[in-house]
Amino acid sequence: AKENSNKAWVSYGPLKVDWSRWRYLKGSYFTKIQNKKGQYLYLAVNCEERRMNHTLKNGKWRNWFFLKNDFEHDLINDFCD
């Protein structure tokens, strides 16, 4: 998280990530994101397993997933490395 720690919102692909407010919970980090539709959701990152999760519109978390998109790899590399 060092690389972008002085920025508030950082863009990754279709997401804007609230970089200044990462929180730690149960082995993962999470923060608020804004998707391309302008909706505010939460993103969770697990650095050890290199996986992500995010909330849906109703606030429920979905399942952890492995990264598919370049912007997901960029985000997890910037945050975890």
N, C-alpha and C. Protein backbone atom coordinates (compact mmCIF):
# COMPACT_ATOMS: atom_id res chain seq x y z
N ALA A 1 0.84 -1.20 0.00
CA ALA A 1 0.00 0.00 0.00
C ALA A 1 0.87 1.25 0.00
N LYS A 2 2.17 1.04 0.02
CA LYS A 2 3.06 2.19 0.15
C LYS A 2 3.02 3.10 -1.07
N GLU A 3 2.95 2.50 -2.24
CA GLU A 3 3.12 3.26 -3.48
C GLU A 3 2.07 4.36 -3.65
N ASN A 4 0.84 4.10 -3.30
CA ASN A 4 -0.24 5.07 -3.50
C ASN A 4 -0.77 5.64 -2.20
N SER A 5 -0.03 5.51 -1.12
CA SER A 5 -0.56 5.83 0.20
C SER A 5 -0.88 7.31 0.38
N ASN A 6 -0.32 8.18 -0.46
CA ASN A 6 -0.60 9.60 -0.30
C ASN A 6 -1.81 10.04 -1.13
N LYS A 7 -2.42 9.14 -1.86
CA LYS A 7 -3.56 9.48 -2.70
C LYS A 7 -4.85 9.01 -2.04
N ALA A 8 -5.92 9.74 -2.28
CA ALA A 8 -7.20 9.35 -1.70
C ALA A 8 -7.86 8.27 -2.57
N TRP A 9 -8.28 8.64 -3.78
CA TRP A 9 -8.94 7.69 -4.68
C TRP A 9 -8.02 7.39 -5.85
N VAL A 10 -7.82 6.11 -6.13
CA VAL A 10 -6.94 5.68 -7.21
C VAL A 10 -7.76 4.84 -8.18
N SER A 11 -7.61 5.11 -9.47
CA SER A 11 -8.37 4.39 -10.50
C SER A 11 -7.64 3.13 -10.93
N TYR A 12 -8.39 2.05 -11.01
CA TYR A 12 -7.92 0.77 -11.56
C TYR A 12 -9.01 0.26 -12.49
N GLY A 13 -8.75 0.29 -13.78
CA GLY A 13 -9.77 -0.14 -14.74
C GLY A 13 -11.07 0.59 -14.48
N PRO A 14 -12.18 -0.15 -14.31
CA PRO A 14 -13.48 0.50 -14.09
C PRO A 14 -13.72 0.93 -12.64
N LEU A 15 -12.76 0.71 -11.77
CA LEU A 15 -12.96 1.00 -10.35
C LEU A 15 -12.19 2.23 -9.90
N LYS A 16 -12.77 2.92 -8.94
CA LYS A 16 -12.02 3.91 -8.16
C LYS A 16 -11.92 3.35 -6.76
N VAL A 17 -10.71 3.33 -6.21
CA VAL A 17 -10.43 2.69 -4.94
C VAL A 17 -10.08 3.76 -3.90
N ASP A 18 -10.74 3.70 -2.75
CA ASP A 18 -10.45 4.63 -1.66
C ASP A 18 -9.17 4.17 -0.98
N TRP A 19 -8.04 4.62 -1.52
CA TRP A 19 -6.73 4.09 -1.14
C TRP A 19 -6.33 4.49 0.27
N SER A 20 -6.87 5.57 0.78
CA SER A 20 -6.43 6.09 2.07
C SER A 20 -7.13 5.44 3.26
N ARG A 21 -8.10 4.56 3.00
CA ARG A 21 -8.89 4.02 4.11
C ARG A 21 -8.91 2.49 4.19
N TRP A 22 -7.83 1.85 3.79
CA TRP A 22 -7.76 0.39 3.92
C TRP A 22 -7.86 0.01 5.39
N ARG A 23 -8.62 -1.04 5.69
CA ARG A 23 -8.76 -1.58 7.05
C ARG A 23 -8.44 -3.07 7.02
N TYR A 24 -7.98 -3.58 8.15
CA TYR A 24 -7.60 -4.99 8.25
C TYR A 24 -8.66 -5.74 9.05
N LEU A 25 -9.06 -6.92 8.55
CA LEU A 25 -10.03 -7.75 9.26
C LEU A 25 -9.83 -9.20 8.88
N LYS A 26 -9.58 -10.04 9.85
CA LYS A 26 -9.54 -11.50 9.65
C LYS A 26 -8.64 -11.93 8.48
N GLY A 27 -7.44 -11.39 8.42
CA GLY A 27 -6.49 -11.83 7.40
C GLY A 27 -6.58 -11.14 6.06
N SER A 28 -7.54 -10.22 5.92
CA SER A 28 -7.71 -9.50 4.65
C SER A 28 -7.81 -8.01 4.91
N TYR A 29 -7.65 -7.26 3.85
CA TYR A 29 -7.81 -5.81 3.91
C TYR A 29 -9.01 -5.43 3.07
N PHE A 30 -9.72 -4.40 3.50
CA PHE A 30 -10.86 -3.95 2.71
C PHE A 30 -10.94 -2.43 2.71
N THR A 31 -11.58 -1.91 1.66
CA THR A 31 -11.80 -0.48 1.54
C THR A 31 -13.00 -0.24 0.63
N LYS A 32 -13.43 1.00 0.58
CA LYS A 32 -14.57 1.37 -0.27
C LYS A 32 -14.08 1.55 -1.70
N ILE A 33 -14.93 1.15 -2.65
CA ILE A 33 -14.66 1.37 -4.07
C ILE A 33 -15.90 2.00 -4.71
N GLN A 34 -15.69 2.59 -5.87
CA GLN A 34 -16.80 3.06 -6.70
C GLN A 34 -16.68 2.38 -8.04
N ASN A 35 -17.78 1.76 -8.49
CA ASN A 35 -17.73 1.07 -9.79
C ASN A 35 -18.09 2.04 -10.91
N LYS A 36 -18.07 1.53 -12.14
CA LYS A 36 -18.29 2.41 -13.29
C LYS A 36 -19.71 2.95 -13.36
N LYS A 37 -20.65 2.34 -12.61
CA LYS A 37 -22.02 2.85 -12.55
C LYS A 37 -22.18 3.91 -11.45
N GLY A 38 -21.08 4.20 -10.74
CA GLY A 38 -21.15 5.19 -9.68
C GLY A 38 -21.60 4.64 -8.34
N GLN A 39 -21.76 3.32 -8.25
CA GLN A 39 -22.20 2.70 -6.99
C GLN A 39 -21.00 2.52 -6.06
N TYR A 40 -21.24 2.75 -4.77
CA TYR A 40 -20.19 2.54 -3.77
C TYR A 40 -20.35 1.14 -3.18
N LEU A 41 -19.28 0.37 -3.24
CA LEU A 41 -19.24 -1.00 -2.74
C LEU A 41 -17.98 -1.13 -1.89
N TYR A 42 -17.73 -2.34 -1.38
CA TYR A 42 -16.49 -2.61 -0.67
C TYR A 42 -15.70 -3.68 -1.40
N LEU A 43 -14.39 -3.50 -1.40
CA LEU A 43 -13.46 -4.45 -1.99
C LEU A 43 -12.59 -5.02 -0.89
N ALA A 44 -12.37 -6.33 -0.91
CA ALA A 44 -11.46 -6.98 0.03
C ALA A 44 -10.34 -7.64 -0.77
N VAL A 45 -9.14 -7.60 -0.18
CA VAL A 45 -7.95 -8.17 -0.82
C VAL A 45 -7.28 -9.11 0.18
N ASN A 46 -6.95 -10.31 -0.28
CA ASN A 46 -6.18 -11.24 0.53
C ASN A 46 -4.83 -11.41 -0.18
N CYS A 47 -3.79 -10.83 0.42
CA CYS A 47 -2.47 -10.82 -0.23
C CYS A 47 -1.86 -12.22 -0.28
N GLU A 48 -1.99 -13.00 0.78
CA GLU A 48 -1.38 -14.33 0.81
C GLU A 48 -1.93 -15.22 -0.28
N GLU A 49 -3.25 -15.19 -0.46
CA GLU A 49 -3.89 -16.07 -1.45
C GLU A 49 -4.06 -15.40 -2.81
N ARG A 50 -3.70 -14.11 -2.89
CA ARG A 50 -3.84 -13.35 -4.14
C ARG A 50 -5.26 -13.44 -4.68
N ARG A 51 -6.22 -13.19 -3.79
CA ARG A 51 -7.63 -13.24 -4.19
C ARG A 51 -8.33 -11.95 -3.77
N MET A 52 -9.48 -11.72 -4.37
CA MET A 52 -10.30 -10.54 -4.07
C MET A 52 -11.73 -10.96 -3.81
N ASN A 53 -12.45 -10.03 -3.21
CA ASN A 53 -13.88 -10.20 -2.97
C ASN A 53 -14.47 -8.80 -3.00
N HIS A 54 -15.75 -8.70 -3.27
CA HIS A 54 -16.40 -7.40 -3.18
C HIS A 54 -17.87 -7.58 -2.83
N THR A 55 -18.43 -6.51 -2.31
CA THR A 55 -19.86 -6.57 -1.97
C THR A 55 -20.69 -6.37 -3.23
N LEU A 56 -21.92 -6.81 -3.13
CA LEU A 56 -22.91 -6.57 -4.17
C LEU A 56 -23.70 -5.32 -3.78
N LYS A 57 -24.65 -4.92 -4.64
CA LYS A 57 -25.44 -3.71 -4.36
C LYS A 57 -26.16 -3.80 -3.02
N ASN A 58 -26.55 -5.03 -2.62
CA ASN A 58 -27.30 -5.19 -1.37
C ASN A 58 -26.40 -5.25 -0.14
N GLY A 59 -25.09 -5.08 -0.35
CA GLY A 59 -24.16 -5.06 0.77
C GLY A 59 -23.61 -6.42 1.17
N LYS A 60 -24.11 -7.48 0.56
CA LYS A 60 -23.61 -8.83 0.88
C LYS A 60 -22.31 -9.09 0.12
N TRP A 61 -21.39 -9.80 0.79
CA TRP A 61 -20.14 -10.19 0.13
C TRP A 61 -20.41 -11.34 -0.81
N ARG A 62 -19.73 -11.36 -1.95
CA ARG A 62 -19.79 -12.51 -2.84
C ARG A 62 -18.68 -13.48 -2.43
N ASN A 63 -18.34 -14.42 -3.28
CA ASN A 63 -17.28 -15.38 -2.97
C ASN A 63 -15.93 -14.82 -3.37
N TRP A 64 -14.88 -15.28 -2.69
CA TRP A 64 -13.52 -14.90 -3.07
C TRP A 64 -13.24 -15.41 -4.47
N PHE A 65 -12.52 -14.63 -5.26
CA PHE A 65 -12.18 -15.05 -6.62
C PHE A 65 -10.72 -14.77 -6.90
N PHE A 66 -10.17 -15.57 -7.82
CA PHE A 66 -8.82 -15.34 -8.29
C PHE A 66 -8.86 -14.29 -9.39
N LEU A 67 -7.77 -13.55 -9.53
CA LEU A 67 -7.72 -12.41 -10.43
C LEU A 67 -7.77 -12.85 -11.88
N LYS A 68 -8.53 -12.11 -12.67
CA LYS A 68 -8.63 -12.40 -14.10
C LYS A 68 -8.13 -11.23 -14.93
N ASN A 69 -8.45 -10.02 -14.51
CA ASN A 69 -8.19 -8.82 -15.32
C ASN A 69 -6.86 -8.16 -14.95
N ASP A 70 -6.27 -7.49 -15.94
CA ASP A 70 -5.00 -6.80 -15.70
C ASP A 70 -5.11 -5.80 -14.56
N PHE A 71 -6.23 -5.04 -14.51
CA PHE A 71 -6.35 -4.03 -13.47
C PHE A 71 -6.42 -4.65 -12.07
N GLU A 72 -6.96 -5.87 -11.98
CA GLU A 72 -7.00 -6.57 -10.68
C GLU A 72 -5.58 -6.94 -10.26
N HIS A 73 -4.78 -7.43 -11.20
CA HIS A 73 -3.38 -7.75 -10.90
C HIS A 73 -2.62 -6.49 -10.51
N ASP A 74 -2.84 -5.39 -11.24
CA ASP A 74 -2.16 -4.13 -10.91
C ASP A 74 -2.51 -3.69 -9.49
N LEU A 75 -3.79 -3.76 -9.16
CA LEU A 75 -4.25 -3.32 -7.84
C LEU A 75 -3.62 -4.18 -6.74
N ILE A 76 -3.68 -5.49 -6.89
CA ILE A 76 -3.17 -6.36 -5.82
C ILE A 76 -1.64 -6.24 -5.73
N ASN A 77 -0.96 -6.05 -6.87
CA ASN A 77 0.49 -5.84 -6.84
C ASN A 77 0.84 -4.55 -6.13
N ASP A 78 0.14 -3.48 -6.44
CA ASP A 78 0.40 -2.19 -5.79
C ASP A 78 0.14 -2.27 -4.30
N PHE A 79 -0.92 -2.95 -3.92
CA PHE A 79 -1.29 -2.99 -2.51
C PHE A 79 -0.40 -3.96 -1.71
N CYS A 80 -0.19 -5.14 -2.25
CA CYS A 80 0.43 -6.22 -1.47
C CYS A 80 1.96 -6.22 -1.52
N ASP A 81 2.55 -5.75 -2.60
CA ASP A 81 4.00 -5.89 -2.75
C ASP A 81 4.77 -4.73 -2.14
